[in-house]
Structure formats: C-alpha cells, structure tokens
Amino acid sequence: MSTTNCSTTESLPVSCSDSDLLATAKGILIVGRGYGERQAFDELLDVAHHHHISVLSASRWLVELGRDESADAPIEWAQLLQRIRAEA
C-alpha cells in the first residue's frame, strides 16, 4: 500500500489528491476489516450506491469519520469505527 498525504488524525489537506483520498479510505478498510484492495473498493462502491454519492465522497466521508469521533457514521461503518477507536 502506498503512503498518502491524507491523514486520519487531522483535517484533510487541500492538496489531498483524489487518488490519495481513495487510497487512504481503502487503507482504513484493509486494516480495519482485513480486506484486499478490491474488497475495500467494493465496499466504498456499495456505500456510495446506498447513499447516492460518488465513491470519492464515500472515501472522504470514511476518512473524515476516522478523525472525528463525534461524527455520525453510516450503518455500514459504525461497528468498524467503534472497534478501531476502542483499539486506539
């Protein structure tokens, strides 16, 4: 997995490219769920379809949820984020 400029512990930088954002979101799912890259992308795609948003919007949502504990998570990510936060 490549290193990205998108941090999950601070505000997303303006210079965060779409590919960095997508890679960061996939990385959260790869680590959090034990997925491969394809499975992680498929989950982002499923969430995007379910919530009628783009895959990049779903990626941004997941990355922002990773840094903002007060944000409401979609049902698909609620338990994942609870577990990640408990392990941190």
C-alpha atoms as a PDB file:
ATOM      1  CA  MET A   1       0.000   0.000   0.000  1.00  0.00           C
ATOM      2  CA  SER A   2       1.373   3.421  -0.874  1.00  0.00           C
ATOM      3  CA  THR A   3       1.917   6.267   1.558  1.00  0.00           C
ATOM      4  CA  THR A   4      -0.602   9.061   1.137  1.00  0.00           C
ATOM      5  CA  ASN A   5      -0.925  12.704   2.081  1.00  0.00           C
ATOM      6  CA  CYS A   6      -4.376  12.204   3.634  1.00  0.00           C
ATOM      7  CA  SER A   7      -4.206  11.964   7.398  1.00  0.00           C
ATOM      8  CA  THR A   8      -6.896  10.402   9.543  1.00  0.00           C
ATOM      9  CA  THR A   9      -5.826  12.392  12.593  1.00  0.00           C
ATOM     10  CA  GLU A  10      -6.142  15.952  11.294  1.00  0.00           C
ATOM     11  CA  SER A  11      -8.134  17.948   8.777  1.00  0.00           C
ATOM     12  CA  LEU A  12      -7.780  16.772   5.226  1.00  0.00           C
ATOM     13  CA  PRO A  13      -5.241  18.897   3.411  1.00  0.00           C
ATOM     14  CA  VAL A  14      -6.459  20.902   0.458  1.00  0.00           C
ATOM     15  CA  SER A  15      -3.743  19.252  -1.629  1.00  0.00           C
ATOM     16  CA  CYS A  16      -5.043  15.754  -0.914  1.00  0.00           C
ATOM     17  CA  SER A  17      -5.489  14.248  -4.360  1.00  0.00           C
ATOM     18  CA  ASP A  18      -8.420  12.062  -5.287  1.00  0.00           C
ATOM     19  CA  SER A  19      -6.106   9.076  -5.578  1.00  0.00           C
ATOM     20  CA  ASP A  20      -4.618   9.771  -2.111  1.00  0.00           C
ATOM     21  CA  LEU A  21      -8.100  10.106  -0.639  1.00  0.00           C
ATOM     22  CA  LEU A  22      -9.235   6.840  -2.209  1.00  0.00           C
ATOM     23  CA  ALA A  23      -6.043   5.068  -1.107  1.00  0.00           C
ATOM     24  CA  THR A  24      -6.476   6.305   2.472  1.00  0.00           C
ATOM     25  CA  ALA A  25     -10.105   5.158   2.626  1.00  0.00           C
ATOM     26  CA  LYS A  26      -9.178   1.767   1.175  1.00  0.00           C
ATOM     27  CA  GLY A  27      -6.346   1.538   3.706  1.00  0.00           C
ATOM     28  CA  ILE A  28      -8.778   2.077   6.576  1.00  0.00           C
ATOM     29  CA  LEU A  29     -10.905  -0.800   5.283  1.00  0.00           C
ATOM     30  CA  ILE A  30      -7.908  -3.017   4.552  1.00  0.00           C
ATOM     31  CA  VAL A  31      -6.587  -2.631   8.080  1.00  0.00           C
ATOM     32  CA  GLY A  32      -9.950  -2.441   9.822  1.00  0.00           C
ATOM     33  CA  ARG A  33     -11.640  -5.341   8.068  1.00  0.00           C
ATOM     34  CA  GLY A  34      -8.690  -7.352   6.766  1.00  0.00           C
ATOM     35  CA  TYR A  35      -9.780  -6.787   3.172  1.00  0.00           C
ATOM     36  CA  GLY A  36      -7.765  -6.847  -0.001  1.00  0.00           C
ATOM     37  CA  GLU A  37      -7.720  -3.735  -2.184  1.00  0.00           C
ATOM     38  CA  ARG A  38     -10.571  -4.965  -4.396  1.00  0.00           C
ATOM     39  CA  GLN A  39     -12.818  -5.787  -1.431  1.00  0.00           C
ATOM     40  CA  ALA A  40     -12.115  -2.362   0.094  1.00  0.00           C
ATOM     41  CA  PHE A  41     -13.025  -0.611  -3.153  1.00  0.00           C
ATOM     42  CA  ASP A  42     -16.162  -2.737  -3.479  1.00  0.00           C
ATOM     43  CA  GLU A  43     -17.289  -1.655  -0.005  1.00  0.00           C
ATOM     44  CA  LEU A  44     -16.720   2.012  -0.874  1.00  0.00           C
ATOM     45  CA  LEU A  45     -18.727   1.459  -4.053  1.00  0.00           C
ATOM     46  CA  ASP A  46     -21.552  -0.234  -2.119  1.00  0.00           C
ATOM     47  CA  VAL A  47     -21.722   2.622   0.405  1.00  0.00           C
ATOM     48  CA  ALA A  48     -21.658   5.169  -2.418  1.00  0.00           C
ATOM     49  CA  HIS A  49     -24.564   3.455  -4.179  1.00  0.00           C
ATOM     50  CA  HIS A  50     -26.555   3.021  -0.967  1.00  0.00           C
ATOM     51  CA  HIS A  51     -26.208   6.701  -0.025  1.00  0.00           C
ATOM     52  CA  HIS A  52     -26.428   8.047  -3.609  1.00  0.00           C
ATOM     53  CA  ILE A  53     -22.986   9.663  -3.523  1.00  0.00           C
ATOM     54  CA  SER A  54     -19.786   9.250  -5.502  1.00  0.00           C
ATOM     55  CA  VAL A  55     -17.052   6.822  -4.486  1.00  0.00           C
ATOM     56  CA  LEU A  56     -14.813   9.817  -3.762  1.00  0.00           C
ATOM     57  CA  SER A  57     -17.477  11.304  -1.493  1.00  0.00           C
ATOM     58  CA  ALA A  58     -17.755   7.976   0.320  1.00  0.00           C
ATOM     59  CA  SER A  59     -13.964   7.902   0.637  1.00  0.00           C
ATOM     60  CA  ARG A  60     -13.868  11.427   2.053  1.00  0.00           C
ATOM     61  CA  TRP A  61     -16.691  10.510   4.473  1.00  0.00           C
ATOM     62  CA  LEU A  62     -14.788   7.473   5.783  1.00  0.00           C
ATOM     63  CA  VAL A  63     -11.514   9.366   6.152  1.00  0.00           C
ATOM     64  CA  GLU A  64     -13.247  12.231   7.958  1.00  0.00           C
ATOM     65  CA  LEU A  65     -15.051   9.755  10.235  1.00  0.00           C
ATOM     66  CA  GLY A  66     -11.671   8.312  11.108  1.00  0.00           C
ATOM     67  CA  ARG A  67     -10.586  11.633  12.585  1.00  0.00           C
ATOM     68  CA  ASP A  68     -13.878  12.953  14.017  1.00  0.00           C
ATOM     69  CA  GLU A  69     -15.245  10.769  16.818  1.00  0.00           C
ATOM     70  CA  SER A  70     -18.382  12.896  17.168  1.00  0.00           C
ATOM     71  CA  ALA A  71     -19.499  12.399  13.569  1.00  0.00           C
ATOM     72  CA  ASP A  72     -22.348  10.038  12.777  1.00  0.00           C
ATOM     73  CA  ALA A  73     -21.199   7.015  10.842  1.00  0.00           C
ATOM     74  CA  PRO A  74     -23.353   5.185   8.331  1.00  0.00           C
ATOM     75  CA  ILE A  75     -24.569   1.799   9.494  1.00  0.00           C
ATOM     76  CA  GLU A  76     -22.003   0.124   7.237  1.00  0.00           C
ATOM     77  CA  TRP A  77     -19.116   1.659   9.191  1.00  0.00           C
ATOM     78  CA  ALA A  78     -20.496   2.175  12.714  1.00  0.00           C
ATOM     79  CA  GLN A  79     -19.153  -1.056  14.242  1.00  0.00           C
ATOM     80  CA  LEU A  80     -15.884  -0.846  12.326  1.00  0.00           C
ATOM     81  CA  LEU A  81     -15.211   2.658  13.627  1.00  0.00           C
ATOM     82  CA  GLN A  82     -16.202   1.715  17.182  1.00  0.00           C
ATOM     83  CA  ARG A  83     -13.714  -1.158  17.135  1.00  0.00           C
ATOM     84  CA  ILE A  84     -10.931   0.937  15.601  1.00  0.00           C
ATOM     85  CA  ARG A  85     -11.474   3.696  18.176  1.00  0.00           C
ATOM     86  CA  ALA A  86     -11.523   1.180  21.045  1.00  0.00           C
ATOM     87  CA  GLU A  87      -8.218  -0.314  19.900  1.00  0.00           C
ATOM     88  CA  ALA A  88      -6.538   3.096  19.560  1.00  0.00           C
END
